[in-house]
């Protein structure tokens, strides 16, 4: 049948997950850091997800699509609830799902070790740093997700040491950082770029912005992406 249904522009999607959280039918999910319409028959065409998208990646189209199936939606929600051992399934952004992280208490330091901060400049928020600053000249640039320093215990020693660190959260800031990052890379003698992100899909917006900035800058700069798990391990 021909009916009104949403479509998602993958190029505009920043991976924040706001639309998935707003979709009460579970029609939208996060796949490889991008919002995706999982099944046509889960979408009721009401568009609760549209106003939540900060980049305008979601729109309505009329096309051949399976009819909205309320029974299938309810069954999907029931299965999710059962698999998650919860009365109500979490159908929103995976990065907002509550969970307890258990750490081993076997190895506790016998004495307090004094360490020094490796933050090399201020401010450090992407929204606040100027695009031209003396500390960017010849810098090794670290673009880090806000949460990464709390999840990864050796953030200062393993990643921040010897680098200029700028941080942000694409979900909370609800902006595309790529334009500002492009200006920083274009206007300064950046030696390398390291992106440290969390494994949650909404962090894909930070990775995507960095990649877009590197491409738009026209410069060939060594770069790498490092992903941190929720329990503080390096995944890649």
Protein backbone atom coordinates (compact mmCIF):
# COMPACT_ATOMS: atom_id res chain seq x y z
CA UNK A 1 0.00 0.00 0.00
CA UNK A 2 1.03 3.64 -0.52
CA UNK A 3 1.20 5.50 2.77
CA UNK A 4 3.04 8.23 4.66
CA UNK A 5 6.17 6.99 6.40
CA UNK A 6 9.42 8.45 7.67
CA UNK A 7 12.75 8.37 5.90
CA UNK A 8 16.16 9.06 7.48
CA UNK A 9 19.01 10.81 5.69
CA UNK A 10 22.09 8.92 6.87
CA UNK A 11 24.42 11.73 5.80
CA UNK A 12 22.64 14.22 8.09
CA UNK A 13 22.28 11.84 11.04
CA UNK A 14 24.81 12.57 13.81
CA UNK A 15 24.05 9.42 15.78
CA UNK A 16 22.55 11.19 18.80
CA UNK A 17 19.74 8.63 19.17
CA UNK A 18 17.07 11.20 20.09
CA UNK A 19 14.69 9.90 17.43
CA UNK A 20 15.04 6.29 18.62
CA UNK A 21 14.18 7.46 22.13
CA UNK A 22 11.15 9.38 20.89
CA UNK A 23 9.78 6.50 18.80
CA UNK A 24 7.35 4.66 21.07
CA UNK A 25 6.83 1.87 18.53
CA UNK A 26 10.50 0.84 18.34
CA UNK A 27 10.52 1.50 14.59
CA UNK A 28 13.85 3.36 14.78
CA UNK A 29 17.04 1.76 16.01
CA UNK A 30 20.72 2.65 16.07
CA UNK A 31 22.78 0.64 13.57
CA UNK A 32 26.51 1.33 13.26
CA UNK A 33 26.04 4.68 14.96
CA UNK A 34 23.22 5.82 12.66
CA UNK A 35 19.45 6.00 13.10
CA UNK A 36 17.70 3.42 10.92
CA UNK A 37 14.06 2.59 10.21
CA UNK A 38 14.02 -1.04 11.30
CA UNK A 39 10.67 -2.11 9.84
CA UNK A 40 7.99 -0.30 7.86
CA UNK A 41 5.15 -1.97 9.77
CA UNK A 42 6.48 -0.60 13.08
CA UNK A 43 6.15 3.02 11.90
CA UNK A 44 2.73 4.56 12.53
CA UNK A 45 3.51 7.67 10.47
CA UNK A 46 2.68 10.12 13.27
CA UNK A 47 6.17 11.60 13.29
CA UNK A 48 6.94 11.90 17.01
CA UNK A 49 10.58 11.52 16.04
CA UNK A 50 10.72 14.52 13.66
CA UNK A 51 10.91 17.41 16.14
CA UNK A 52 13.55 15.62 18.24
CA UNK A 53 16.11 15.38 15.41
CA UNK A 54 18.68 18.20 15.80
CA UNK A 55 20.03 17.90 12.24
CA UNK A 56 16.79 17.61 10.24
CA UNK A 57 17.71 14.11 9.06
CA UNK A 58 14.12 12.80 9.30
CA UNK A 59 11.31 13.64 6.90
CA UNK A 60 8.02 12.21 5.63
CA UNK A 61 7.62 10.49 2.27
CA UNK A 62 4.76 8.67 0.62
CA UNK A 63 5.81 5.31 -0.77
CA UNK A 64 4.92 1.66 -1.00
CA UNK A 65 5.15 0.34 2.54
CA UNK A 66 3.68 -2.36 4.73
CA UNK A 67 0.69 -1.24 6.78
CA UNK A 68 1.26 -0.29 10.41
CA UNK A 69 0.90 -3.46 12.47
CA UNK A 70 0.06 -2.67 16.09
CA UNK A 71 0.10 -6.33 17.07
CA UNK A 72 3.62 -6.77 15.65
CA UNK A 73 4.75 -3.67 17.55
CA UNK A 74 3.32 -4.98 20.82
CA UNK A 75 4.90 -8.39 20.29
CA UNK A 76 8.27 -6.77 19.56
CA UNK A 77 8.03 -4.70 22.74
CA UNK A 78 7.10 -7.80 24.73
CA UNK A 79 10.11 -9.72 23.41
CA UNK A 80 12.42 -6.84 24.24
CA UNK A 81 11.00 -6.61 27.73
CA UNK A 82 11.55 -10.33 28.26
CA UNK A 83 15.12 -10.29 26.93
CA UNK A 84 16.01 -7.29 29.07
CA UNK A 85 14.35 -8.80 32.18
CA UNK A 86 12.32 -5.63 32.59
CA UNK A 87 8.62 -4.85 32.69
CA UNK A 88 9.07 -2.01 30.18
CA UNK A 89 11.75 -2.26 27.48
CA UNK A 90 14.21 0.53 26.83
CA UNK A 91 13.46 1.58 23.26
CA UNK A 92 15.38 4.84 23.22
CA UNK A 93 19.00 5.72 22.75
CA UNK A 94 21.22 2.76 23.72
CA UNK A 95 23.64 5.22 25.30
CA UNK A 96 20.97 6.16 27.86
CA UNK A 97 20.15 2.60 28.92
CA UNK A 98 20.69 2.13 32.65
CA UNK A 99 23.15 -0.55 33.69
CA UNK A 100 25.40 -1.34 36.60
CA UNK A 101 29.11 -1.83 35.88
CA UNK A 102 30.97 -4.17 38.18
CA UNK A 103 34.74 -3.82 38.67
CA UNK A 104 37.12 -6.18 40.41
CA UNK A 105 38.20 -5.05 43.85
CA UNK A 106 41.08 -7.52 44.06
CA UNK A 107 43.82 -5.11 43.05
CA UNK A 108 43.63 -1.97 45.15
CA UNK A 109 46.64 0.33 45.42
CA UNK A 110 48.48 0.03 48.72
CA UNK A 111 49.36 3.69 48.71
CA UNK A 112 47.95 6.80 47.07
CA UNK A 113 49.91 7.63 43.90
CA UNK A 114 50.26 11.30 43.08
CA UNK A 115 49.63 12.01 39.40
CA UNK A 116 49.57 15.22 37.39
CA UNK A 117 46.95 16.45 34.99
CA UNK A 118 47.99 16.30 31.34
CA UNK A 119 45.48 18.92 30.18
CA UNK A 120 47.58 21.28 28.10
CA UNK A 121 45.24 24.23 27.60
CA UNK A 122 42.00 25.92 28.61
CA UNK A 123 39.18 25.94 27.62
CA UNK A 124 38.82 22.36 26.45
CA UNK A 125 35.17 22.15 25.33
CA UNK A 126 34.85 22.10 21.53
CA UNK A 127 32.11 24.73 21.74
CA UNK A 128 34.40 27.08 23.70
CA UNK A 129 37.86 26.72 22.17
CA UNK A 130 38.88 29.36 19.62
CA UNK A 131 39.65 28.14 16.11
CA UNK A 132 42.99 29.94 16.22
CA UNK A 133 45.17 29.63 19.31
CA UNK A 134 48.94 29.42 19.86
CA UNK A 135 48.61 26.00 21.47
CA UNK A 136 47.23 24.52 18.23
CA UNK A 137 50.48 25.31 16.37
CA UNK A 138 52.26 22.00 15.85
CA UNK A 139 49.79 20.22 18.13
CA UNK A 140 48.83 16.60 18.28
CA UNK A 141 45.07 16.97 18.61
CA UNK A 142 42.95 14.75 20.85
CA UNK A 143 39.19 14.92 20.26
CA UNK A 144 37.57 13.09 23.15
CA UNK A 145 34.03 12.27 24.21
CA UNK A 146 33.08 13.82 27.55
CA UNK A 147 32.42 10.42 29.14
CA UNK A 148 35.67 8.82 28.00
CA UNK A 149 37.79 10.35 30.78
CA UNK A 150 35.46 8.86 33.40
CA UNK A 151 35.24 5.43 31.76
CA UNK A 152 38.95 4.99 30.97
CA UNK A 153 41.12 5.14 34.07
CA UNK A 154 44.41 6.05 32.35
CA UNK A 155 43.01 8.78 30.10
CA UNK A 156 45.63 11.37 31.05
CA UNK A 157 48.63 9.06 30.80
CA UNK A 158 47.64 7.07 27.70
CA UNK A 159 45.89 9.67 25.56
CA UNK A 160 46.20 13.26 26.84
CA UNK A 161 49.94 13.34 27.50
CA UNK A 162 51.66 15.51 24.89
CA UNK A 163 48.41 16.43 23.15
CA UNK A 164 45.98 19.32 23.02
CA UNK A 165 42.69 17.93 24.26
CA UNK A 166 39.26 19.14 23.18
CA UNK A 167 36.09 17.43 24.37
CA UNK A 168 32.40 17.30 23.56
CA UNK A 169 29.18 15.30 23.52
CA UNK A 170 27.22 15.38 20.24
CA UNK A 171 24.06 14.22 21.99
CA UNK A 172 23.99 16.82 24.78
CA UNK A 173 25.29 19.67 22.62
CA UNK A 174 22.93 18.67 19.77
CA UNK A 175 25.21 20.24 17.16
CA UNK A 176 27.46 19.11 14.34
CA UNK A 177 31.04 19.80 15.41
CA UNK A 178 32.47 19.23 11.93
CA UNK A 179 32.49 22.89 10.84
CA UNK A 180 34.47 24.07 13.86
CA UNK A 181 36.83 21.10 13.75
CA UNK A 182 37.44 21.84 10.06
CA UNK A 183 38.44 25.41 10.90
CA UNK A 184 40.80 24.23 13.64
CA UNK A 185 42.52 21.74 11.33
CA UNK A 186 42.63 24.12 8.35
CA UNK A 187 43.90 27.17 10.24
CA UNK A 188 46.59 25.46 12.30
CA UNK A 189 49.57 23.19 11.86
CA UNK A 190 47.98 20.08 13.36
CA UNK A 191 50.37 17.12 13.40
CA UNK A 192 47.91 14.30 14.10
CA UNK A 193 44.33 13.68 15.21
CA UNK A 194 43.19 11.06 17.72
CA UNK A 195 39.50 10.56 18.44
CA UNK A 196 38.56 8.79 21.67
CA UNK A 197 34.88 7.87 21.77
CA UNK A 198 32.62 5.61 23.81
CA UNK A 199 31.07 2.46 22.35
CA UNK A 200 27.52 3.87 22.55
CA UNK A 201 25.95 4.81 19.18
CA UNK A 202 25.43 8.49 20.04
CA UNK A 203 29.21 8.86 20.24
CA UNK A 204 29.27 8.10 16.52
CA UNK A 205 28.44 11.76 15.98
CA UNK A 206 31.85 12.75 17.35
CA UNK A 207 33.67 10.27 15.12
CA UNK A 208 31.67 11.36 12.07
CA UNK A 209 32.36 15.06 12.74
CA UNK A 210 36.09 14.42 13.00
CA UNK A 211 36.16 12.42 9.78
CA UNK A 212 34.17 15.10 7.93
CA UNK A 213 36.53 17.79 9.24
CA UNK A 214 39.62 15.90 8.11
CA UNK A 215 38.15 15.44 4.65
CA UNK A 216 36.97 19.05 4.37
CA UNK A 217 40.34 20.42 5.53
CA UNK A 218 42.08 19.06 2.45
CA UNK A 219 45.06 18.05 4.58
CA UNK A 220 46.65 14.63 4.88
CA UNK A 221 47.10 14.16 8.61
CA UNK A 222 47.67 10.90 10.51
CA UNK A 223 44.53 10.02 12.47
CA UNK A 224 43.04 7.21 14.51
CA UNK A 225 39.79 6.30 16.23
CA UNK A 226 39.87 4.65 19.65
CA UNK A 227 36.67 3.20 21.13
CA UNK A 228 36.24 2.73 24.88
CA UNK A 229 33.81 0.20 26.33
CA UNK A 230 31.41 1.11 29.12
CA UNK A 231 33.56 -0.87 31.56
CA UNK A 232 36.69 1.08 30.61
CA UNK A 233 38.47 -1.17 28.11
CA UNK A 234 39.92 -0.22 24.73
CA UNK A 235 37.89 -1.96 22.02
CA UNK A 236 39.77 -0.79 18.93
